[in-house]
């Protein structure tokens, strides 16, 4: 029992450190590009790290492995936060990140599956991810594969009608191998989600479409690990929606909760301050 607890804590500590790494690299990469998505990347950092260091089944040496779990970012503008993790786990050399957004670089502001190993879908047009996930999950069923498909969406993305068509389809087809992750950070590029286009109640909407729903603190690694490790069987008759209560700009005090940091660029003084806060965080 003691050993199991110790291993769990080691995993949690690793995930927290990798989430911190993702934030720091996000700042570095955006400083190269002179503009980028801080807020929505930072709200997803613990989700990214939990998936890639504890949950997803994949092989960096064989990125097209048929039986791998799929991960699709509906909120493709957060790609700057996932690139450092993909490099860290071995999908490509870390040095390649230094070309971020440069002419000819595979690493754009949004991910391109045709250029980057480890990217399962070229996202950017908000609202398409869940539909793609439904297709991938149906494909697994046809091919008699047991992989899961995970879709990360922003709360503002739920304003897109296509999301709910896909949610209805997933419930109808009883896709127990499909997991929708909602990064509920309460803001979009233009302001607070609730004020612009209220999407609440989120939980009840997913439940009414026939989904199993779990609500978690999206920055609490222990909760995330427990939730992902205890998903229903891939053969269950309900897809699962994990609603993550998150903070836009998490980890940097002057960014937190602010939609102004959806797309921005930090000056030298603010870069130093942000790095110090991230390094000093828990």
C-alpha atoms as a PDB file:
ATOM      1  CA  UNK A   1       0.000   0.000   0.000  1.00  0.00           C
ATOM      2  CA  UNK A   2       2.783   2.413   0.884  1.00  0.00           C
ATOM      3  CA  UNK A   3       4.494   1.686  -2.418  1.00  0.00           C
ATOM      4  CA  UNK A   4       1.304   2.354  -4.393  1.00  0.00           C
ATOM      5  CA  UNK A   5       0.779   5.697  -2.687  1.00  0.00           C
ATOM      6  CA  UNK A   6       4.409   6.587  -3.330  1.00  0.00           C
ATOM      7  CA  UNK A   7       4.128   5.753  -7.035  1.00  0.00           C
ATOM      8  CA  UNK A   8       0.933   7.799  -7.291  1.00  0.00           C
ATOM      9  CA  UNK A   9       2.635  10.785  -5.672  1.00  0.00           C
ATOM     10  CA  UNK A  10       5.640  10.430  -7.950  1.00  0.00           C
ATOM     11  CA  UNK A  11       3.325  10.540 -10.964  1.00  0.00           C
ATOM     12  CA  UNK A  12       1.529  13.588  -9.585  1.00  0.00           C
ATOM     13  CA  UNK A  13       4.802  15.412  -8.933  1.00  0.00           C
ATOM     14  CA  UNK A  14       6.021  14.615 -12.451  1.00  0.00           C
ATOM     15  CA  UNK A  15       2.801  15.880 -14.017  1.00  0.00           C
ATOM     16  CA  UNK A  16       2.975  19.125 -12.044  1.00  0.00           C
ATOM     17  CA  UNK A  17       6.570  19.664 -13.141  1.00  0.00           C
ATOM     18  CA  UNK A  18       5.705  18.995 -16.785  1.00  0.00           C
ATOM     19  CA  UNK A  19       2.749  21.401 -16.621  1.00  0.00           C
ATOM     20  CA  UNK A  20       5.182  24.018 -15.310  1.00  0.00           C
ATOM     21  CA  UNK A  21       7.566  23.195 -18.159  1.00  0.00           C
ATOM     22  CA  UNK A  22       4.765  23.650 -20.696  1.00  0.00           C
ATOM     23  CA  UNK A  23       3.973  27.114 -19.333  1.00  0.00           C
ATOM     24  CA  UNK A  24       7.605  28.198 -19.334  1.00  0.00           C
ATOM     25  CA  UNK A  25       8.141  26.954 -22.879  1.00  0.00           C
ATOM     26  CA  UNK A  26       4.930  28.659 -23.961  1.00  0.00           C
ATOM     27  CA  UNK A  27       6.362  31.964 -22.781  1.00  0.00           C
ATOM     28  CA  UNK A  28       9.645  31.290 -24.561  1.00  0.00           C
ATOM     29  CA  UNK A  29       8.031  30.288 -27.835  1.00  0.00           C
ATOM     30  CA  UNK A  30       5.620  33.203 -27.864  1.00  0.00           C
ATOM     31  CA  UNK A  31       8.542  35.540 -27.224  1.00  0.00           C
ATOM     32  CA  UNK A  32      10.014  34.215 -30.498  1.00  0.00           C
ATOM     33  CA  UNK A  33       6.765  34.730 -32.396  1.00  0.00           C
ATOM     34  CA  UNK A  34       5.988  38.094 -30.710  1.00  0.00           C
ATOM     35  CA  UNK A  35       2.351  37.095 -30.289  1.00  0.00           C
ATOM     36  CA  UNK A  36       0.487  34.055 -29.032  1.00  0.00           C
ATOM     37  CA  UNK A  37      -2.152  32.412 -26.893  1.00  0.00           C
ATOM     38  CA  UNK A  38      -1.145  32.528 -23.245  1.00  0.00           C
ATOM     39  CA  UNK A  39      -4.455  32.328 -21.400  1.00  0.00           C
ATOM     40  CA  UNK A  40      -6.009  29.320 -23.075  1.00  0.00           C
ATOM     41  CA  UNK A  41      -2.725  27.397 -23.126  1.00  0.00           C
ATOM     42  CA  UNK A  42      -2.103  27.932 -19.410  1.00  0.00           C
ATOM     43  CA  UNK A  43      -5.652  26.839 -18.539  1.00  0.00           C
ATOM     44  CA  UNK A  44      -4.921  23.490 -20.222  1.00  0.00           C
ATOM     45  CA  UNK A  45      -1.409  22.818 -18.881  1.00  0.00           C
ATOM     46  CA  UNK A  46      -2.345  20.255 -16.235  1.00  0.00           C
ATOM     47  CA  UNK A  47      -4.721  18.536 -18.648  1.00  0.00           C
ATOM     48  CA  UNK A  48      -1.980  18.225 -21.292  1.00  0.00           C
ATOM     49  CA  UNK A  49       0.545  16.908 -18.787  1.00  0.00           C
ATOM     50  CA  UNK A  50      -1.846  14.418 -17.166  1.00  0.00           C
ATOM     51  CA  UNK A  51      -2.758  12.927 -20.520  1.00  0.00           C
ATOM     52  CA  UNK A  52       0.747  12.605 -21.963  1.00  0.00           C
ATOM     53  CA  UNK A  53       2.603  11.517 -18.823  1.00  0.00           C
ATOM     54  CA  UNK A  54      -0.001   9.252 -17.253  1.00  0.00           C
ATOM     55  CA  UNK A  55      -2.998   8.398 -19.435  1.00  0.00           C
ATOM     56  CA  UNK A  56      -2.577   8.258 -23.210  1.00  0.00           C
ATOM     57  CA  UNK A  57      -1.365   5.084 -24.892  1.00  0.00           C
ATOM     58  CA  UNK A  58       1.069   6.100 -27.671  1.00  0.00           C
ATOM     59  CA  UNK A  59       4.502   5.388 -29.149  1.00  0.00           C
ATOM     60  CA  UNK A  60       6.636   8.414 -30.182  1.00  0.00           C
ATOM     61  CA  UNK A  61       8.787   6.119 -32.332  1.00  0.00           C
ATOM     62  CA  UNK A  62       5.697   4.937 -34.188  1.00  0.00           C
ATOM     63  CA  UNK A  63       3.378   7.983 -34.254  1.00  0.00           C
ATOM     64  CA  UNK A  64       0.940   6.340 -36.685  1.00  0.00           C
ATOM     65  CA  UNK A  65       0.531   3.204 -34.566  1.00  0.00           C
ATOM     66  CA  UNK A  66      -2.991   2.015 -35.332  1.00  0.00           C
ATOM     67  CA  UNK A  67      -3.883   1.103 -31.745  1.00  0.00           C
ATOM     68  CA  UNK A  68      -2.755   4.368 -30.135  1.00  0.00           C
ATOM     69  CA  UNK A  69      -5.157   6.595 -28.250  1.00  0.00           C
ATOM     70  CA  UNK A  70      -6.167   9.672 -30.237  1.00  0.00           C
ATOM     71  CA  UNK A  71      -5.991  13.221 -28.919  1.00  0.00           C
ATOM     72  CA  UNK A  72      -7.693  16.052 -30.787  1.00  0.00           C
ATOM     73  CA  UNK A  73      -7.577  19.702 -29.756  1.00  0.00           C
ATOM     74  CA  UNK A  74     -10.734  21.454 -30.813  1.00  0.00           C
ATOM     75  CA  UNK A  75      -9.110  24.522 -29.280  1.00  0.00           C
ATOM     76  CA  UNK A  76      -6.155  24.333 -31.657  1.00  0.00           C
ATOM     77  CA  UNK A  77      -4.982  27.803 -30.653  1.00  0.00           C
ATOM     78  CA  UNK A  78      -3.481  26.179 -27.536  1.00  0.00           C
ATOM     79  CA  UNK A  79      -0.968  24.260 -29.662  1.00  0.00           C
ATOM     80  CA  UNK A  80       1.932  26.279 -28.264  1.00  0.00           C
ATOM     81  CA  UNK A  81       1.318  24.535 -24.937  1.00  0.00           C
ATOM     82  CA  UNK A  82       1.293  21.017 -26.373  1.00  0.00           C
ATOM     83  CA  UNK A  83       4.344  21.302 -28.661  1.00  0.00           C
ATOM     84  CA  UNK A  84       6.862  21.310 -25.755  1.00  0.00           C
ATOM     85  CA  UNK A  85       5.237  18.195 -24.305  1.00  0.00           C
ATOM     86  CA  UNK A  86       5.299  16.342 -27.623  1.00  0.00           C
ATOM     87  CA  UNK A  87       8.999  17.173 -27.929  1.00  0.00           C
ATOM     88  CA  UNK A  88       9.680  16.148 -24.346  1.00  0.00           C
ATOM     89  CA  UNK A  89       8.113  12.697 -24.772  1.00  0.00           C
ATOM     90  CA  UNK A  90      10.085  12.101 -27.959  1.00  0.00           C
ATOM     91  CA  UNK A  91       7.919  12.801 -31.000  1.00  0.00           C
ATOM     92  CA  UNK A  92      10.577  15.152 -32.410  1.00  0.00           C
ATOM     93  CA  UNK A  93      13.811  16.853 -31.238  1.00  0.00           C
ATOM     94  CA  UNK A  94      13.323  19.710 -28.786  1.00  0.00           C
ATOM     95  CA  UNK A  95      15.607  21.963 -30.818  1.00  0.00           C
ATOM     96  CA  UNK A  96      13.041  22.028 -33.610  1.00  0.00           C
ATOM     97  CA  UNK A  97      10.786  24.143 -31.419  1.00  0.00           C
ATOM     98  CA  UNK A  98      13.160  27.064 -31.889  1.00  0.00           C
ATOM     99  CA  UNK A  99      11.671  27.517 -35.376  1.00  0.00           C
ATOM    100  CA  UNK A 100       8.197  28.169 -33.950  1.00  0.00           C
ATOM    101  CA  UNK A 101       6.052  30.201 -36.421  1.00  0.00           C
ATOM    102  CA  UNK A 102       9.018  30.965 -38.673  1.00  0.00           C
ATOM    103  CA  UNK A 103       8.566  30.678 -42.440  1.00  0.00           C
ATOM    104  CA  UNK A 104       8.851  27.007 -43.384  1.00  0.00           C
ATOM    105  CA  UNK A 105       8.513  25.750 -39.809  1.00  0.00           C
ATOM    106  CA  UNK A 106       6.064  22.891 -39.163  1.00  0.00           C
ATOM    107  CA  UNK A 107       5.107  24.565 -35.888  1.00  0.00           C
ATOM    108  CA  UNK A 108       2.413  27.096 -36.568  1.00  0.00           C
ATOM    109  CA  UNK A 109       0.033  28.903 -34.258  1.00  0.00           C
ATOM    110  CA  UNK A 110      -2.352  25.979 -34.842  1.00  0.00           C
ATOM    111  CA  UNK A 111      -1.308  22.312 -35.204  1.00  0.00           C
ATOM    112  CA  UNK A 112      -0.851  20.602 -38.577  1.00  0.00           C
ATOM    113  CA  UNK A 113      -1.160  16.799 -38.564  1.00  0.00           C
ATOM    114  CA  UNK A 114       0.628  16.597 -41.924  1.00  0.00           C
ATOM    115  CA  UNK A 115       3.759  18.260 -40.561  1.00  0.00           C
ATOM    116  CA  UNK A 116       4.034  17.339 -36.877  1.00  0.00           C
ATOM    117  CA  UNK A 117       4.368  13.850 -35.407  1.00  0.00           C
ATOM    118  CA  UNK A 118       1.980  13.331 -32.525  1.00  0.00           C
ATOM    119  CA  UNK A 119      -0.745  15.614 -33.873  1.00  0.00           C
ATOM    120  CA  UNK A 120      -3.848  13.604 -34.762  1.00  0.00           C
ATOM    121  CA  UNK A 121      -5.897  16.400 -36.346  1.00  0.00           C
ATOM    122  CA  UNK A 122      -5.214  19.806 -37.892  1.00  0.00           C
ATOM    123  CA  UNK A 123      -7.431  22.014 -35.772  1.00  0.00           C
ATOM    124  CA  UNK A 124      -8.117  25.703 -35.647  1.00  0.00           C
ATOM    125  CA  UNK A 125     -11.653  26.160 -36.930  1.00  0.00           C
ATOM    126  CA  UNK A 126     -13.474  26.016 -33.611  1.00  0.00           C
ATOM    127  CA  UNK A 127     -16.183  23.385 -33.205  1.00  0.00           C
ATOM    128  CA  UNK A 128     -14.900  20.617 -35.492  1.00  0.00           C
ATOM    129  CA  UNK A 129     -12.991  18.548 -32.949  1.00  0.00           C
ATOM    130  CA  UNK A 130     -15.838  16.586 -31.424  1.00  0.00           C
ATOM    131  CA  UNK A 131     -17.200  15.613 -34.841  1.00  0.00           C
ATOM    132  CA  UNK A 132     -13.750  14.308 -35.756  1.00  0.00           C
ATOM    133  CA  UNK A 133     -13.647  12.416 -32.463  1.00  0.00           C
ATOM    134  CA  UNK A 134     -16.984  10.756 -33.195  1.00  0.00           C
ATOM    135  CA  UNK A 135     -15.563   9.568 -36.510  1.00  0.00           C
ATOM    136  CA  UNK A 136     -12.393   8.251 -34.891  1.00  0.00           C
ATOM    137  CA  UNK A 137     -14.401   6.434 -32.229  1.00  0.00           C
ATOM    138  CA  UNK A 138     -16.661   4.845 -34.823  1.00  0.00           C
ATOM    139  CA  UNK A 139     -13.541   3.866 -36.748  1.00  0.00           C
ATOM    140  CA  UNK A 140     -12.190   2.070 -33.701  1.00  0.00           C
ATOM    141  CA  UNK A 141     -15.436   0.132 -33.456  1.00  0.00           C
ATOM    142  CA  UNK A 142     -15.333  -0.871 -37.128  1.00  0.00           C
ATOM    143  CA  UNK A 143     -11.695  -1.957 -36.835  1.00  0.00           C
ATOM    144  CA  UNK A 144     -12.317  -3.787 -33.546  1.00  0.00           C
ATOM    145  CA  UNK A 145      -9.747  -1.568 -31.789  1.00  0.00           C
ATOM    146  CA  UNK A 146      -9.892  -0.647 -28.094  1.00  0.00           C
ATOM    147  CA  UNK A 147      -8.257   2.778 -28.164  1.00  0.00           C
ATOM    148  CA  UNK A 148      -9.918   5.854 -26.733  1.00  0.00           C
ATOM    149  CA  UNK A 149     -10.367   9.185 -28.471  1.00  0.00           C
ATOM    150  CA  UNK A 150      -9.949  12.297 -26.313  1.00  0.00           C
ATOM    151  CA  UNK A 151     -11.206  15.694 -27.486  1.00  0.00           C
ATOM    152  CA  UNK A 152     -10.188  18.923 -25.751  1.00  0.00           C
ATOM    153  CA  UNK A 153     -12.584  21.825 -26.233  1.00  0.00           C
ATOM    154  CA  UNK A 154     -12.844  25.304 -24.805  1.00  0.00           C
ATOM    155  CA  UNK A 155     -16.023  26.462 -23.115  1.00  0.00           C
ATOM    156  CA  UNK A 156     -16.458  29.120 -25.803  1.00  0.00           C
ATOM    157  CA  UNK A 157     -16.266  26.335 -28.363  1.00  0.00           C
ATOM    158  CA  UNK A 158     -19.523  24.959 -26.962  1.00  0.00           C
ATOM    159  CA  UNK A 159     -21.246  27.946 -28.565  1.00  0.00           C
ATOM    160  CA  UNK A 160     -20.797  26.183 -31.917  1.00  0.00           C
ATOM    161  CA  UNK A 161     -23.834  24.225 -33.075  1.00  0.00           C
ATOM    162  CA  UNK A 162     -21.726  21.488 -34.641  1.00  0.00           C
ATOM    163  CA  UNK A 163     -20.508  20.504 -31.168  1.00  0.00           C
ATOM    164  CA  UNK A 164     -24.017  19.583 -30.123  1.00  0.00           C
ATOM    165  CA  UNK A 165     -24.749  17.674 -33.327  1.00  0.00           C
ATOM    166  CA  UNK A 166     -21.645  15.606 -32.552  1.00  0.00           C
ATOM    167  CA  UNK A 167     -22.675  15.215 -28.913  1.00  0.00           C
ATOM    168  CA  UNK A 168     -26.070  13.923 -30.027  1.00  0.00           C
ATOM    169  CA  UNK A 169     -24.420  11.483 -32.433  1.00  0.00           C
ATOM    170  CA  UNK A 170     -22.000  10.170 -29.803  1.00  0.00           C
ATOM    171  CA  UNK A 171     -24.822   9.523 -27.376  1.00  0.00           C
ATOM    172  CA  UNK A 172     -26.915   7.871 -30.071  1.00  0.00           C
ATOM    173  CA  UNK A 173     -24.082   5.575 -31.168  1.00  0.00           C
ATOM    174  CA  UNK A 174     -23.175   4.778 -27.521  1.00  0.00           C
ATOM    175  CA  UNK A 175     -19.510   5.622 -27.981  1.00  0.00           C
ATOM    176  CA  UNK A 176     -18.012   4.569 -24.676  1.00  0.00           C
ATOM    177  CA  UNK A 177     -14.538   4.989 -26.185  1.00  0.00           C
ATOM    178  CA  UNK A 178     -15.026   8.762 -26.635  1.00  0.00           C
ATOM    179  CA  UNK A 179     -13.978  11.299 -23.986  1.00  0.00           C
ATOM    180  CA  UNK A 180     -14.801  14.999 -24.332  1.00  0.00           C
ATOM    181  CA  UNK A 181     -12.741  17.317 -22.129  1.00  0.00           C
ATOM    182  CA  UNK A 182     -14.139  20.816 -21.628  1.00  0.00           C
ATOM    183  CA  UNK A 183     -11.594  23.442 -20.580  1.00  0.00           C
ATOM    184  CA  UNK A 184     -14.114  25.666 -18.805  1.00  0.00           C
ATOM    185  CA  UNK A 185     -11.941  28.753 -18.262  1.00  0.00           C
ATOM    186  CA  UNK A 186     -14.897  31.170 -18.505  1.00  0.00           C
ATOM    187  CA  UNK A 187     -13.429  33.452 -21.192  1.00  0.00           C
ATOM    188  CA  UNK A 188     -13.133  33.754 -24.953  1.00  0.00           C
ATOM    189  CA  UNK A 189     -11.195  36.142 -27.174  1.00  0.00           C
ATOM    190  CA  UNK A 190     -13.877  38.837 -26.776  1.00  0.00           C
ATOM    191  CA  UNK A 191     -14.770  38.618 -23.097  1.00  0.00           C
ATOM    192  CA  UNK A 192     -16.475  36.463 -20.496  1.00  0.00           C
ATOM    193  CA  UNK A 193     -18.234  33.454 -21.981  1.00  0.00           C
ATOM    194  CA  UNK A 194     -21.324  33.806 -19.814  1.00  0.00           C
ATOM    195  CA  UNK A 195     -21.842  37.436 -20.838  1.00  0.00           C
ATOM    196  CA  UNK A 196     -21.270  36.917 -24.569  1.00  0.00           C
ATOM    197  CA  UNK A 197     -23.215  33.687 -25.086  1.00  0.00           C
ATOM    198  CA  UNK A 198     -24.196  31.808 -21.964  1.00  0.00           C
ATOM    199  CA  UNK A 199     -23.619  28.062 -22.361  1.00  0.00           C
ATOM    200  CA  UNK A 200     -24.786  27.044 -18.887  1.00  0.00           C
ATOM    201  CA  UNK A 201     -25.882  24.654 -17.562  1.00  0.00           C
ATOM    202  CA  UNK A 202     -23.058  22.655 -19.157  1.00  0.00           C
ATOM    203  CA  UNK A 203     -23.432  19.447 -17.173  1.00  0.00           C
ATOM    204  CA  UNK A 204     -27.146  19.070 -17.834  1.00  0.00           C
ATOM    205  CA  UNK A 205     -26.677  19.623 -21.566  1.00  0.00           C
ATOM    206  CA  UNK A 206     -24.199  16.759 -21.875  1.00  0.00           C
ATOM    207  CA  UNK A 207     -26.307  14.491 -19.689  1.00  0.00           C
ATOM    208  CA  UNK A 208     -29.373  15.151 -21.811  1.00  0.00           C
ATOM    209  CA  UNK A 209     -27.441  14.025 -24.872  1.00  0.00           C
ATOM    210  CA  UNK A 210     -26.759  10.685 -23.180  1.00  0.00           C
ATOM    211  CA  UNK A 211     -23.276  11.283 -21.774  1.00  0.00           C
ATOM    212  CA  UNK A 212     -21.647  10.263 -18.522  1.00  0.00           C
ATOM    213  CA  UNK A 213     -20.459  13.539 -16.949  1.00  0.00           C
ATOM    214  CA  UNK A 214     -17.703  14.228 -14.411  1.00  0.00           C
ATOM    215  CA  UNK A 215     -16.805  17.651 -13.022  1.00  0.00           C
ATOM    216  CA  UNK A 216     -13.265  18.283 -11.764  1.00  0.00           C
ATOM    217  CA  UNK A 217     -10.832  21.028 -10.853  1.00  0.00           C
ATOM    218  CA  UNK A 218      -8.804  21.218 -14.069  1.00  0.00           C
ATOM    219  CA  UNK A 219      -5.675  22.309 -12.204  1.00  0.00           C
ATOM    220  CA  UNK A 220      -5.854  19.652  -9.487  1.00  0.00           C
ATOM    221  CA  UNK A 221      -3.582  16.918 -10.816  1.00  0.00           C
ATOM    222  CA  UNK A 222      -4.721  14.372  -8.238  1.00  0.00           C
ATOM    223  CA  UNK A 223      -8.344  14.826  -9.333  1.00  0.00           C
ATOM    224  CA  UNK A 224      -7.434  14.635 -13.004  1.00  0.00           C
ATOM    225  CA  UNK A 225      -5.431  11.434 -12.577  1.00  0.00           C
ATOM    226  CA  UNK A 226      -8.174   9.771 -10.539  1.00  0.00           C
ATOM    227  CA  UNK A 227     -10.823  10.779 -13.076  1.00  0.00           C
ATOM    228  CA  UNK A 228      -8.952   9.624 -16.171  1.00  0.00           C
ATOM    229  CA  UNK A 229      -7.783   6.392 -14.552  1.00  0.00           C
ATOM    230  CA  UNK A 230     -11.339   5.496 -13.577  1.00  0.00           C
ATOM    231  CA  UNK A 231     -13.154   6.107 -16.830  1.00  0.00           C
ATOM    232  CA  UNK A 232     -15.883   3.614 -17.730  1.00  0.00           C
ATOM    233  CA  UNK A 233     -14.908   0.766 -20.032  1.00  0.00           C
ATOM    234  CA  UNK A 234     -14.433   1.554 -23.722  1.00  0.00           C
ATOM    235  CA  UNK A 235     -17.276  -0.909 -24.258  1.00  0.00           C
ATOM    236  CA  UNK A 236     -19.686   1.052 -22.058  1.00  0.00           C
ATOM    237  CA  UNK A 237     -22.766   2.553 -23.672  1.00  0.00           C
ATOM    238  CA  UNK A 238     -22.118   6.189 -22.764  1.00  0.00           C
ATOM    239  CA  UNK A 239     -19.390   8.571 -23.907  1.00  0.00           C
ATOM    240  CA  UNK A 240     -17.829  10.599 -21.083  1.00  0.00           C
ATOM    241  CA  UNK A 241     -17.609  14.380 -20.753  1.00  0.00           C
ATOM    242  CA  UNK A 242     -15.089  15.726 -18.243  1.00  0.00           C
ATOM    243  CA  UNK A 243     -15.867  19.328 -17.384  1.00  0.00           C
ATOM    244  CA  UNK A 244     -12.705  20.961 -16.051  1.00  0.00           C
ATOM    245  CA  UNK A 245     -13.112  24.093 -13.955  1.00  0.00           C
ATOM    246  CA  UNK A 246     -10.050  26.097 -15.014  1.00  0.00           C
ATOM    247  CA  UNK A 247      -8.560  29.576 -14.905  1.00  0.00           C
ATOM    248  CA  UNK A 248      -7.445  31.387 -18.048  1.00  0.00           C
ATOM    249  CA  UNK A 249      -3.805  32.391 -17.626  1.00  0.00           C
ATOM    250  CA  UNK A 250      -3.363  30.047 -14.651  1.00  0.00           C
ATOM    251  CA  UNK A 251      -0.002  30.415 -12.944  1.00  0.00           C
ATOM    252  CA  UNK A 252       0.617  34.082 -13.749  1.00  0.00           C
ATOM    253  CA  UNK A 253      -1.275  36.417 -11.418  1.00  0.00           C
ATOM    254  CA  UNK A 254      -1.687  39.347 -13.798  1.00  0.00           C
ATOM    255  CA  UNK A 255      -3.066  37.054 -16.518  1.00  0.00           C
ATOM    256  CA  UNK A 256      -5.490  34.960 -14.484  1.00  0.00           C
ATOM    257  CA  UNK A 257      -9.181  35.310 -15.439  1.00  0.00           C
ATOM    258  CA  UNK A 258      -8.340  37.926 -18.079  1.00  0.00           C
ATOM    259  CA  UNK A 259      -9.627  37.498 -21.615  1.00  0.00           C
ATOM    260  CA  UNK A 260      -7.130  40.170 -22.701  1.00  0.00           C
ATOM    261  CA  UNK A 261      -4.417  37.494 -22.570  1.00  0.00           C
ATOM    262  CA  UNK A 262      -6.126  35.211 -25.053  1.00  0.00           C
ATOM    263  CA  UNK A 263      -3.768  36.602 -27.722  1.00  0.00           C
ATOM    264  CA  UNK A 264      -0.983  38.912 -26.574  1.00  0.00           C
ATOM    265  CA  UNK A 265       2.742  39.497 -26.219  1.00  0.00           C
ATOM    266  CA  UNK A 266       4.726  40.077 -23.042  1.00  0.00           C
ATOM    267  CA  UNK A 267       7.346  42.781 -22.632  1.00  0.00           C
ATOM    268  CA  UNK A 268      10.719  41.868 -21.144  1.00  0.00           C
ATOM    269  CA  UNK A 269       9.776  42.918 -17.611  1.00  0.00           C
ATOM    270  CA  UNK A 270       6.545  40.965 -17.659  1.00  0.00           C
ATOM    271  CA  UNK A 271       8.316  37.906 -19.094  1.00  0.00           C
ATOM    272  CA  UNK A 272      10.668  37.912 -16.119  1.00  0.00           C
ATOM    273  CA  UNK A 273       7.805  38.336 -13.671  1.00  0.00           C
ATOM    274  CA  UNK A 274       5.745  35.572 -15.305  1.00  0.00           C
ATOM    275  CA  UNK A 275       8.671  33.135 -15.260  1.00  0.00           C
ATOM    276  CA  UNK A 276       9.349  33.842 -11.598  1.00  0.00           C
ATOM    277  CA  UNK A 277       5.707  33.221 -10.685  1.00  0.00           C
ATOM    278  CA  UNK A 278       5.527  29.959 -12.651  1.00  0.00           C
ATOM    279  CA  UNK A 279       8.781  28.651 -11.179  1.00  0.00           C
ATOM    280  CA  UNK A 280       7.623  29.589  -7.704  1.00  0.00           C
ATOM    281  CA  UNK A 281       4.219  27.917  -8.051  1.00  0.00           C
ATOM    282  CA  UNK A 282       3.209  24.631  -6.461  1.00  0.00           C
END
